[in-house]
Structures are given as C-alpha cells and as structure tokens.
Amino acid sequence: MMTDSIDLTIILPALLAGILVLVTHIPLGAQVLKRGIVFIDLAIAQIAALGVIIASSGDFDPQGWAVQAAAAAAAILGAILLTWTEKRWPEVQEAQIGVLFILAATAGLLLVAHNPHGGEHLQDLLAGQILWVRYEQLLIPAIGTVAIVALLFWFNDRMSRLGFYLIFAIAVTASVQLVGVYLVFTSLIVPSLAVRNYTEKRRLPLAYVIGVGGYASGLVLSTIFDLPSGALIVWCLTLLAMLAYALGAQKKNGSAVVVHDLEI
C-alpha cells in the first residue's frame, strides 16, 4: 500500500520546520502585501542564500555559526540597502528590489561556477531540503521565531521601515536554510493572498490553516510518490490557497469592484 511509504520520523521534523517558518512568515507576508513590496522576500532570501554560498566556499560547517552569521549579515546589509533605496527613490522601489534579486542570484551562479558540487548546493538553497531536516536543526530557528513573534506583537503597526526590513531579514535568514528560497516566497505571499477577501478576524487563522495544510499534504505526497518535497509543497499550498480564495470570493456576495471601460 502507498501508506506504507509514509515515514513519520521524516515527515514530523519537516512539518515542524514548515510550521516554524509559517509562524513568522504569514504575518510578515501580510505586511509585505500592505506595503506593496511583494518581491522583497525573494530579494532578501536570495541575498541570504548568497551569504551561505560565500561562507560555504570557506569550508565552514553548513550548520555552523559561521554560515549562519554570514547569511544573517548578508540579509541585514540587503535590508539596510533597501531601506535607503526606498527613502531615496520610493517611486521605483519594486524595480530596485528586482535588480537586487537578480544581482544576488547571478553572483551566486558566478561563485559556484567552478565548484563541482556548486549546482547541487545552489539547487538545495532554491528548492530546499526540508524532508531531511532533523530535530536538532530546529532549536535556533525556534528561538528566533519566538523573538520575532514577540517583536511583531510589541511593535504591531508602529514598526519603522528600517525595523521591518531588519526583522524581515532575520526571519528569512533562518528559513532559507530550512526550506529554500521557493518555499520562503510561497509561505510569505500565498496564504496572505488567499485570505484577503475574508474579514480581518478570520484572515490570520485561515492563513495558518492553509499554510500547515499545504506543508502537510506536500510532505505526505512527496514521500508517497518520491517527488521533490519543496516543489510539491509549493503546489499543494497554492491549490489550497486558490480554494480558500474562491470560497471567500463567494462570501463577498458581489461586493468586489469591477472596473470597465478604463480610459488611457
């Protein structure tokens, strides 16, 4: 039977890693949509991944403090740079975020160009290796999650631009190494997109349900069918989000605004 291929000793730590990511990324994703800087997560995640690549080239332990510090430093520097660009040229901030993402991504390609295992390492950073996460890897991310949630709760809507970017950078640094760039973006944006038609009170709980359901179903299906777990989680989470959005749109009872005859 297919259920015989489900190994809970592998799935449970991976699911816990996903939940840790969702705890911080869903409220941060709501802020990203509110601020209109959707691709900041991709840029910061890619910069953090670049920090990991730089540190890994020095033969440091992939799970050691040196790699963690390099990723965090790179992400924080990226956050500070984006704070400055938003203040200096706010009208083109989204474009600047896109340029920074491309520069970080191509820098990573150049750095691993002569590494025989570079392609594999780059693939791990993008798609993640969530299915092979171990419990001992979750201690530091769990502590960071508690600290970030406390900061988000304390500052709420009073957070400055720099404060938001720095908290965002710290959150993304740990999650990139746990689940990869693709799942970081999906966890941040997709649940918040799905619940935007719901009442304010229901948005956050429903977003968490969508996120946990997407991770759980993706992990189970990936072990059954022997498919890449990160990519399958992205699809499962997105399909659940589409279903939730469709149900929410029905509950709006035609309140959505449709614009016709747009004049240019």
C-alpha atoms as a PDB file:
ATOM      1  CA  MET A   1       0.000   0.000   0.000  1.00  0.00           C
ATOM      2  CA  MET A   2       1.137   3.574  -0.649  1.00  0.00           C
ATOM      3  CA  THR A   3       0.617   4.477   3.001  1.00  0.00           C
ATOM      4  CA  ASP A   4       3.439   2.076   3.893  1.00  0.00           C
ATOM      5  CA  SER A   5       5.877   4.545   2.320  1.00  0.00           C
ATOM      6  CA  ILE A   6       4.923   7.324   4.749  1.00  0.00           C
ATOM      7  CA  ASP A   7       7.719   7.667   7.312  1.00  0.00           C
ATOM      8  CA  LEU A   8       6.585   9.866  10.183  1.00  0.00           C
ATOM      9  CA  THR A   9      10.120  10.086  11.566  1.00  0.00           C
ATOM     10  CA  ILE A  10      10.992  12.053   8.426  1.00  0.00           C
ATOM     11  CA  ILE A  11       7.724  13.920   7.949  1.00  0.00           C
ATOM     12  CA  LEU A  12       7.245  15.232  11.502  1.00  0.00           C
ATOM     13  CA  PRO A  13      10.505  17.237  11.844  1.00  0.00           C
ATOM     14  CA  ALA A  14       9.994  18.564   8.306  1.00  0.00           C
ATOM     15  CA  LEU A  15       6.428  19.621   9.155  1.00  0.00           C
ATOM     16  CA  LEU A  16       7.642  21.272  12.360  1.00  0.00           C
ATOM     17  CA  ALA A  17      10.206  23.201  10.311  1.00  0.00           C
ATOM     18  CA  GLY A  18       7.437  24.349   7.997  1.00  0.00           C
ATOM     19  CA  ILE A  19       5.275  25.454  10.928  1.00  0.00           C
ATOM     20  CA  LEU A  20       8.165  27.481  12.365  1.00  0.00           C
ATOM     21  CA  VAL A  21       8.535  29.225   9.015  1.00  0.00           C
ATOM     22  CA  LEU A  22       4.800  29.905   8.759  1.00  0.00           C
ATOM     23  CA  VAL A  23       4.543  31.359  12.272  1.00  0.00           C
ATOM     24  CA  THR A  24       6.650  34.363  11.306  1.00  0.00           C
ATOM     25  CA  HIS A  25       6.201  34.492   7.538  1.00  0.00           C
ATOM     26  CA  ILE A  26       2.412  34.751   7.421  1.00  0.00           C
ATOM     27  CA  PRO A  27       2.191  37.986   9.468  1.00  0.00           C
ATOM     28  CA  LEU A  28       5.263  39.316   7.668  1.00  0.00           C
ATOM     29  CA  GLY A  29       3.663  38.427   4.334  1.00  0.00           C
ATOM     30  CA  ALA A  30       0.555  40.400   5.273  1.00  0.00           C
ATOM     31  CA  GLN A  31       2.802  43.411   5.939  1.00  0.00           C
ATOM     32  CA  VAL A  32       4.587  42.898   2.615  1.00  0.00           C
ATOM     33  CA  LEU A  33       1.275  43.000   0.732  1.00  0.00           C
ATOM     34  CA  LYS A  34       0.135  46.025   2.723  1.00  0.00           C
ATOM     35  CA  ARG A  35       3.354  47.903   1.952  1.00  0.00           C
ATOM     36  CA  GLY A  36       3.260  46.911  -1.737  1.00  0.00           C
ATOM     37  CA  ILE A  37       6.755  45.393  -1.809  1.00  0.00           C
ATOM     38  CA  VAL A  38       5.883  41.845  -2.815  1.00  0.00           C
ATOM     39  CA  PHE A  39       9.273  40.813  -4.159  1.00  0.00           C
ATOM     40  CA  ILE A  40      11.285  41.934  -1.156  1.00  0.00           C
ATOM     41  CA  ASP A  41      11.109  38.398   0.213  1.00  0.00           C
ATOM     42  CA  LEU A  42      12.695  36.942  -2.914  1.00  0.00           C
ATOM     43  CA  ALA A  43      15.438  39.569  -2.858  1.00  0.00           C
ATOM     44  CA  ILE A  44      16.286  39.176   0.839  1.00  0.00           C
ATOM     45  CA  ALA A  45      16.048  35.379   0.612  1.00  0.00           C
ATOM     46  CA  GLN A  46      18.401  35.355  -2.367  1.00  0.00           C
ATOM     47  CA  ILE A  47      20.833  37.672  -0.567  1.00  0.00           C
ATOM     48  CA  ALA A  48      20.779  35.370   2.483  1.00  0.00           C
ATOM     49  CA  ALA A  49      21.440  32.417   0.159  1.00  0.00           C
ATOM     50  CA  LEU A  50      24.363  34.351  -1.320  1.00  0.00           C
ATOM     51  CA  GLY A  51      25.769  34.757   2.196  1.00  0.00           C
ATOM     52  CA  VAL A  52      25.514  30.976   2.667  1.00  0.00           C
ATOM     53  CA  ILE A  53      27.336  30.372  -0.628  1.00  0.00           C
ATOM     54  CA  ILE A  54      30.125  32.788   0.330  1.00  0.00           C
ATOM     55  CA  ALA A  55      30.577  31.167   3.740  1.00  0.00           C
ATOM     56  CA  SER A  56      30.409  27.648   2.294  1.00  0.00           C
ATOM     57  CA  SER A  57      33.269  28.452  -0.057  1.00  0.00           C
ATOM     58  CA  GLY A  58      35.445  28.745   3.055  1.00  0.00           C
ATOM     59  CA  ASP A  59      34.810  25.105   4.060  1.00  0.00           C
ATOM     60  CA  PHE A  60      32.768  26.035   7.114  1.00  0.00           C
ATOM     61  CA  ASP A  61      30.264  23.636   8.650  1.00  0.00           C
ATOM     62  CA  PRO A  62      26.978  24.175   6.713  1.00  0.00           C
ATOM     63  CA  GLN A  63      25.063  24.121  10.002  1.00  0.00           C
ATOM     64  CA  GLY A  64      27.698  26.046  11.953  1.00  0.00           C
ATOM     65  CA  TRP A  65      27.627  29.565  13.323  1.00  0.00           C
ATOM     66  CA  ALA A  66      29.923  30.952  10.609  1.00  0.00           C
ATOM     67  CA  VAL A  67      27.433  30.146   7.847  1.00  0.00           C
ATOM     68  CA  GLN A  68      24.513  31.391   9.942  1.00  0.00           C
ATOM     69  CA  ALA A  69      26.336  34.631  10.676  1.00  0.00           C
ATOM     70  CA  ALA A  70      27.290  35.130   7.020  1.00  0.00           C
ATOM     71  CA  ALA A  71      23.699  34.612   5.882  1.00  0.00           C
ATOM     72  CA  ALA A  72      22.360  36.959   8.556  1.00  0.00           C
ATOM     73  CA  ALA A  73      24.972  39.633   7.791  1.00  0.00           C
ATOM     74  CA  ALA A  74      24.215  39.486   4.073  1.00  0.00           C
ATOM     75  CA  ALA A  75      20.460  39.705   4.659  1.00  0.00           C
ATOM     76  CA  ILE A  76      20.803  42.608   7.106  1.00  0.00           C
ATOM     77  CA  LEU A  77      23.048  44.517   4.711  1.00  0.00           C
ATOM     78  CA  GLY A  78      20.483  43.921   1.976  1.00  0.00           C
ATOM     79  CA  ALA A  79      17.727  45.174   4.278  1.00  0.00           C
ATOM     80  CA  ILE A  80      19.682  48.340   5.097  1.00  0.00           C
ATOM     81  CA  LEU A  81      20.343  48.954   1.396  1.00  0.00           C
ATOM     82  CA  LEU A  82      16.639  48.525   0.551  1.00  0.00           C
ATOM     83  CA  THR A  83      15.706  50.902   3.363  1.00  0.00           C
ATOM     84  CA  TRP A  84      17.991  53.516   1.844  1.00  0.00           C
ATOM     85  CA  THR A  85      16.728  52.978  -1.710  1.00  0.00           C
ATOM     86  CA  GLU A  86      13.091  53.218  -0.570  1.00  0.00           C
ATOM     87  CA  LYS A  87      13.853  56.515   1.151  1.00  0.00           C
ATOM     88  CA  ARG A  88      15.866  57.839  -1.797  1.00  0.00           C
ATOM     89  CA  TRP A  89      13.773  56.597  -4.736  1.00  0.00           C
ATOM     90  CA  PRO A  90      10.426  55.337  -3.349  1.00  0.00           C
ATOM     91  CA  GLU A  91       8.653  55.530  -6.701  1.00  0.00           C
ATOM     92  CA  VAL A  92      10.817  52.724  -8.146  1.00  0.00           C
ATOM     93  CA  GLN A  93      11.366  50.609  -5.033  1.00  0.00           C
ATOM     94  CA  GLU A  94       9.829  47.463  -6.530  1.00  0.00           C
ATOM     95  CA  ALA A  95      12.130  47.736  -9.546  1.00  0.00           C
ATOM     96  CA  GLN A  96      15.146  48.224  -7.262  1.00  0.00           C
ATOM     97  CA  ILE A  97      14.171  45.131  -5.303  1.00  0.00           C
ATOM     98  CA  GLY A  98      14.058  43.188  -8.576  1.00  0.00           C
ATOM     99  CA  VAL A  99      17.501  44.413  -9.602  1.00  0.00           C
ATOM    100  CA  LEU A 100      18.958  43.438  -6.225  1.00  0.00           C
ATOM    101  CA  PHE A 101      17.422  39.976  -6.551  1.00  0.00           C
ATOM    102  CA  ILE A 102      18.972  39.469  -9.991  1.00  0.00           C
ATOM    103  CA  LEU A 103      22.389  40.675  -8.803  1.00  0.00           C
ATOM    104  CA  ALA A 104      22.338  38.321  -5.799  1.00  0.00           C
ATOM    105  CA  ALA A 105      21.153  35.375  -7.912  1.00  0.00           C
ATOM    106  CA  THR A 106      23.782  35.849 -10.611  1.00  0.00           C
ATOM    107  CA  ALA A 107      26.512  36.442  -8.013  1.00  0.00           C
ATOM    108  CA  GLY A 108      25.652  33.043  -6.556  1.00  0.00           C
ATOM    109  CA  LEU A 109      25.944  31.452 -10.004  1.00  0.00           C
ATOM    110  CA  LEU A 110      29.368  33.034 -10.534  1.00  0.00           C
ATOM    111  CA  LEU A 111      30.635  31.897  -7.129  1.00  0.00           C
ATOM    112  CA  VAL A 112      29.708  28.245  -7.686  1.00  0.00           C
ATOM    113  CA  ALA A 113      30.735  28.158 -11.354  1.00  0.00           C
ATOM    114  CA  HIS A 114      33.989  26.236 -10.661  1.00  0.00           C
ATOM    115  CA  ASN A 115      32.665  24.165  -7.759  1.00  0.00           C
ATOM    116  CA  PRO A 116      31.952  20.546  -8.843  1.00  0.00           C
ATOM    117  CA  HIS A 117      29.086  20.424  -6.327  1.00  0.00           C
ATOM    118  CA  GLY A 118      28.021  24.020  -6.867  1.00  0.00           C
ATOM    119  CA  GLY A 119      24.932  23.225  -8.914  1.00  0.00           C
ATOM    120  CA  GLU A 120      23.674  20.800  -6.288  1.00  0.00           C
ATOM    121  CA  HIS A 121      24.303  23.308  -3.489  1.00  0.00           C
ATOM    122  CA  LEU A 122      22.520  26.057  -5.400  1.00  0.00           C
ATOM    123  CA  GLN A 123      19.565  23.761  -6.054  1.00  0.00           C
ATOM    124  CA  ASP A 124      19.352  22.953  -2.334  1.00  0.00           C
ATOM    125  CA  LEU A 125      19.215  26.654  -1.467  1.00  0.00           C
ATOM    126  CA  LEU A 126      16.486  27.314  -4.025  1.00  0.00           C
ATOM    127  CA  ALA A 127      14.241  24.261  -3.669  1.00  0.00           C
ATOM    128  CA  GLY A 128      15.303  23.357  -0.127  1.00  0.00           C
ATOM    129  CA  GLN A 129      15.852  20.016   1.561  1.00  0.00           C
ATOM    130  CA  ILE A 130      13.006  20.225   4.041  1.00  0.00           C
ATOM    131  CA  LEU A 131      12.376  16.481   4.014  1.00  0.00           C
ATOM    132  CA  TRP A 132      15.804  15.883   5.559  1.00  0.00           C
ATOM    133  CA  VAL A 133      15.537  18.423   8.376  1.00  0.00           C
ATOM    134  CA  ARG A 134      16.444  16.988  11.787  1.00  0.00           C
ATOM    135  CA  TYR A 135      15.033  17.996  15.143  1.00  0.00           C
ATOM    136  CA  GLU A 136      18.390  19.340  16.349  1.00  0.00           C
ATOM    137  CA  GLN A 137      18.416  21.834  13.479  1.00  0.00           C
ATOM    138  CA  LEU A 138      15.210  23.439  14.761  1.00  0.00           C
ATOM    139  CA  LEU A 139      16.416  24.759  18.130  1.00  0.00           C
ATOM    140  CA  ILE A 140      17.951  28.023  16.907  1.00  0.00           C
ATOM    141  CA  PRO A 141      15.115  28.735  14.409  1.00  0.00           C
ATOM    142  CA  ALA A 142      12.599  28.087  17.209  1.00  0.00           C
ATOM    143  CA  ILE A 143      14.308  30.625  19.491  1.00  0.00           C
ATOM    144  CA  GLY A 144      14.430  33.111  16.632  1.00  0.00           C
ATOM    145  CA  THR A 145      10.751  32.529  15.883  1.00  0.00           C
ATOM    146  CA  VAL A 146       9.750  33.343  19.469  1.00  0.00           C
ATOM    147  CA  ALA A 147      11.840  36.530  19.404  1.00  0.00           C
ATOM    148  CA  ILE A 148      10.435  37.674  16.030  1.00  0.00           C
ATOM    149  CA  VAL A 149       6.830  36.996  17.040  1.00  0.00           C
ATOM    150  CA  ALA A 150       7.398  38.972  20.245  1.00  0.00           C
ATOM    151  CA  LEU A 151       8.783  41.920  18.262  1.00  0.00           C
ATOM    152  CA  LEU A 152       5.909  41.812  15.778  1.00  0.00           C
ATOM    153  CA  PHE A 153       3.370  41.726  18.605  1.00  0.00           C
ATOM    154  CA  TRP A 154       5.096  44.503  20.540  1.00  0.00           C
ATOM    155  CA  PHE A 155       5.504  46.947  17.660  1.00  0.00           C
ATOM    156  CA  ASN A 156       2.417  45.917  15.662  1.00  0.00           C
ATOM    157  CA  ASP A 157       1.689  48.770  13.202  1.00  0.00           C
ATOM    158  CA  ARG A 158       4.214  51.104  14.857  1.00  0.00           C
ATOM    159  CA  MET A 159       7.212  49.460  13.200  1.00  0.00           C
ATOM    160  CA  SER A 160       9.518  51.739  11.236  1.00  0.00           C
ATOM    161  CA  ARG A 161      10.655  50.988   7.702  1.00  0.00           C
ATOM    162  CA  LEU A 162      14.150  50.007   8.869  1.00  0.00           C
ATOM    163  CA  GLY A 163      12.777  47.944  11.738  1.00  0.00           C
ATOM    164  CA  PHE A 164      10.516  45.992   9.405  1.00  0.00           C
ATOM    165  CA  TYR A 165      13.311  45.300   6.928  1.00  0.00           C
ATOM    166  CA  LEU A 166      15.693  44.141   9.672  1.00  0.00           C
ATOM    167  CA  ILE A 167      13.140  41.814  11.281  1.00  0.00           C
ATOM    168  CA  PHE A 168      12.266  40.530   7.836  1.00  0.00           C
ATOM    169  CA  ALA A 169      15.941  39.864   7.064  1.00  0.00           C
ATOM    170  CA  ILE A 170      16.478  37.907  10.286  1.00  0.00           C
ATOM    171  CA  ALA A 171      13.344  35.807   9.722  1.00  0.00           C
ATOM    172  CA  VAL A 172      14.273  34.971   6.141  1.00  0.00           C
ATOM    173  CA  THR A 173      17.881  34.089   7.027  1.00  0.00           C
ATOM    174  CA  ALA A 174      16.914  31.045   9.066  1.00  0.00           C
ATOM    175  CA  SER A 175      14.037  29.938   6.848  1.00  0.00           C
ATOM    176  CA  VAL A 176      16.071  29.919   3.627  1.00  0.00           C
ATOM    177  CA  GLN A 177      18.396  27.310   5.075  1.00  0.00           C
ATOM    178  CA  LEU A 178      15.500  25.235   6.364  1.00  0.00           C
ATOM    179  CA  VAL A 179      13.098  25.236   3.409  1.00  0.00           C
ATOM    180  CA  GLY A 180      14.747  27.074   0.492  1.00  0.00           C
ATOM    181  CA  VAL A 181      14.015  30.269  -1.430  1.00  0.00           C
ATOM    182  CA  TYR A 182      10.925  28.948  -3.242  1.00  0.00           C
ATOM    183  CA  LEU A 183       9.123  27.952  -0.056  1.00  0.00           C
ATOM    184  CA  VAL A 184      10.117  31.192   1.662  1.00  0.00           C
ATOM    185  CA  PHE A 185       8.344  33.181  -1.049  1.00  0.00           C
ATOM    186  CA  THR A 186       5.332  30.856  -1.084  1.00  0.00           C
ATOM    187  CA  SER A 187       4.951  30.898   2.709  1.00  0.00           C
ATOM    188  CA  LEU A 188       5.091  34.671   2.801  1.00  0.00           C
ATOM    189  CA  ILE A 189       2.812  35.601  -0.072  1.00  0.00           C
ATOM    190  CA  VAL A 190       0.384  32.806  -0.969  1.00  0.00           C
ATOM    191  CA  PRO A 191      -1.569  32.430   2.321  1.00  0.00           C
ATOM    192  CA  SER A 192      -1.984  36.197   2.648  1.00  0.00           C
ATOM    193  CA  LEU A 193      -3.194  36.448  -0.954  1.00  0.00           C
ATOM    194  CA  ALA A 194      -5.739  33.698  -0.321  1.00  0.00           C
ATOM    195  CA  VAL A 195      -7.428  35.312   2.694  1.00  0.00           C
ATOM    196  CA  ARG A 196      -7.650  38.921   1.562  1.00  0.00           C
ATOM    197  CA  ASN A 197     -11.415  38.658   0.920  1.00  0.00           C
ATOM    198  CA  TYR A 198     -12.145  37.419   4.438  1.00  0.00           C
ATOM    199  CA  THR A 199     -12.881  39.517   7.496  1.00  0.00           C
ATOM    200  CA  GLU A 200      -9.916  40.826   9.460  1.00  0.00           C
ATOM    201  CA  LYS A 201     -10.657  38.474  12.358  1.00  0.00           C
ATOM    202  CA  ARG A 202     -10.564  35.346  10.191  1.00  0.00           C
ATOM    203  CA  ARG A 203      -7.585  36.143   7.965  1.00  0.00           C
ATOM    204  CA  LEU A 204      -4.710  35.101  10.207  1.00  0.00           C
ATOM    205  CA  PRO A 205      -6.195  31.788  11.483  1.00  0.00           C
ATOM    206  CA  LEU A 206      -7.273  30.771   7.985  1.00  0.00           C
ATOM    207  CA  ALA A 207      -3.870  31.675   6.542  1.00  0.00           C
ATOM    208  CA  TYR A 208      -2.218  29.369   9.078  1.00  0.00           C
ATOM    209  CA  VAL A 209      -4.643  26.558   8.214  1.00  0.00           C
ATOM    210  CA  ILE A 210      -3.797  26.960   4.530  1.00  0.00           C
ATOM    211  CA  GLY A 211      -0.068  27.025   5.264  1.00  0.00           C
ATOM    212  CA  VAL A 212       0.000  23.988   7.555  1.00  0.00           C
ATOM    213  CA  GLY A 213      -2.316  22.061   5.218  1.00  0.00           C
ATOM    214  CA  GLY A 214      -0.078  22.828   2.257  1.00  0.00           C
ATOM    215  CA  TYR A 215       3.082  21.707   4.048  1.00  0.00           C
ATOM    216  CA  ALA A 216       1.465  18.545   5.458  1.00  0.00           C
ATOM    217  CA  SER A 217      -0.120  17.414   2.195  1.00  0.00           C
ATOM    218  CA  GLY A 218       3.006  18.235   0.189  1.00  0.00           C
ATOM    219  CA  LEU A 219       5.262  16.281   2.545  1.00  0.00           C
ATOM    220  CA  VAL A 220       2.977  13.244   2.587  1.00  0.00           C
ATOM    221  CA  LEU A 221       2.584  13.194  -1.190  1.00  0.00           C
ATOM    222  CA  SER A 222       6.314  13.667  -1.744  1.00  0.00           C
ATOM    223  CA  THR A 223       7.108  10.579   0.349  1.00  0.00           C
ATOM    224  CA  ILE A 224       4.405   8.507  -1.339  1.00  0.00           C
ATOM    225  CA  PHE A 225       5.298   9.400  -4.923  1.00  0.00           C
ATOM    226  CA  ASP A 226       9.019  10.089  -4.394  1.00  0.00           C
ATOM    227  CA  LEU A 227       8.800  13.634  -5.750  1.00  0.00           C
ATOM    228  CA  PRO A 228      10.749  16.764  -4.694  1.00  0.00           C
ATOM    229  CA  SER A 229       9.156  17.874  -1.436  1.00  0.00           C
ATOM    230  CA  GLY A 230       9.757  21.625  -1.775  1.00  0.00           C
ATOM    231  CA  ALA A 231       8.199  21.879  -5.223  1.00  0.00           C
ATOM    232  CA  LEU A 232       5.228  19.711  -4.224  1.00  0.00           C
ATOM    233  CA  ILE A 233       4.583  21.790  -1.090  1.00  0.00           C
ATOM    234  CA  VAL A 234       4.519  24.933  -3.234  1.00  0.00           C
ATOM    235  CA  TRP A 235       1.827  23.410  -5.448  1.00  0.00           C
ATOM    236  CA  CYS A 236      -0.245  21.959  -2.586  1.00  0.00           C
ATOM    237  CA  LEU A 237      -0.153  25.222  -0.657  1.00  0.00           C
ATOM    238  CA  THR A 238      -1.099  27.222  -3.742  1.00  0.00           C
ATOM    239  CA  LEU A 239      -4.009  24.927  -4.637  1.00  0.00           C
ATOM    240  CA  LEU A 240      -5.377  25.159  -1.093  1.00  0.00           C
ATOM    241  CA  ALA A 241      -4.989  28.930  -1.258  1.00  0.00           C
ATOM    242  CA  MET A 242      -6.912  29.078  -4.544  1.00  0.00           C
ATOM    243  CA  LEU A 243      -9.734  27.049  -2.994  1.00  0.00           C
ATOM    244  CA  ALA A 244      -9.852  29.288   0.083  1.00  0.00           C
ATOM    245  CA  TYR A 245      -9.852  32.406  -2.061  1.00  0.00           C
ATOM    246  CA  ALA A 246     -12.682  31.070  -4.233  1.00  0.00           C
ATOM    247  CA  LEU A 247     -14.802  30.372  -1.156  1.00  0.00           C
ATOM    248  CA  GLY A 248     -14.019  33.809   0.238  1.00  0.00           C
ATOM    249  CA  ALA A 249     -14.940  35.491  -3.024  1.00  0.00           C
ATOM    250  CA  GLN A 250     -18.363  33.795  -2.908  1.00  0.00           C
ATOM    251  CA  LYS A 251     -18.931  35.102   0.599  1.00  0.00           C
ATOM    252  CA  LYS A 252     -18.334  38.652  -0.601  1.00  0.00           C
ATOM    253  CA  ASN A 253     -21.764  38.449  -2.326  1.00  0.00           C
ATOM    254  CA  GLY A 254     -20.758  40.501  -5.299  1.00  0.00           C
ATOM    255  CA  SER A 255     -19.034  43.220  -3.325  1.00  0.00           C
ATOM    256  CA  ALA A 256     -15.903  43.067  -5.465  1.00  0.00           C
ATOM    257  CA  VAL A 257     -15.416  46.105  -7.662  1.00  0.00           C
ATOM    258  CA  VAL A 258     -15.065  45.542 -11.408  1.00  0.00           C
ATOM    259  CA  VAL A 259     -13.643  48.336 -13.499  1.00  0.00           C
ATOM    260  CA  HIS A 260     -14.961  48.679 -17.043  1.00  0.00           C
ATOM    261  CA  ASP A 261     -14.028  50.986 -19.938  1.00  0.00           C
ATOM    262  CA  LEU A 262     -10.714  52.063 -18.485  1.00  0.00           C
ATOM    263  CA  GLU A 263      -9.580  55.220 -20.218  1.00  0.00           C
ATOM    264  CA  ILE A 264      -5.916  55.650 -21.053  1.00  0.00           C
END
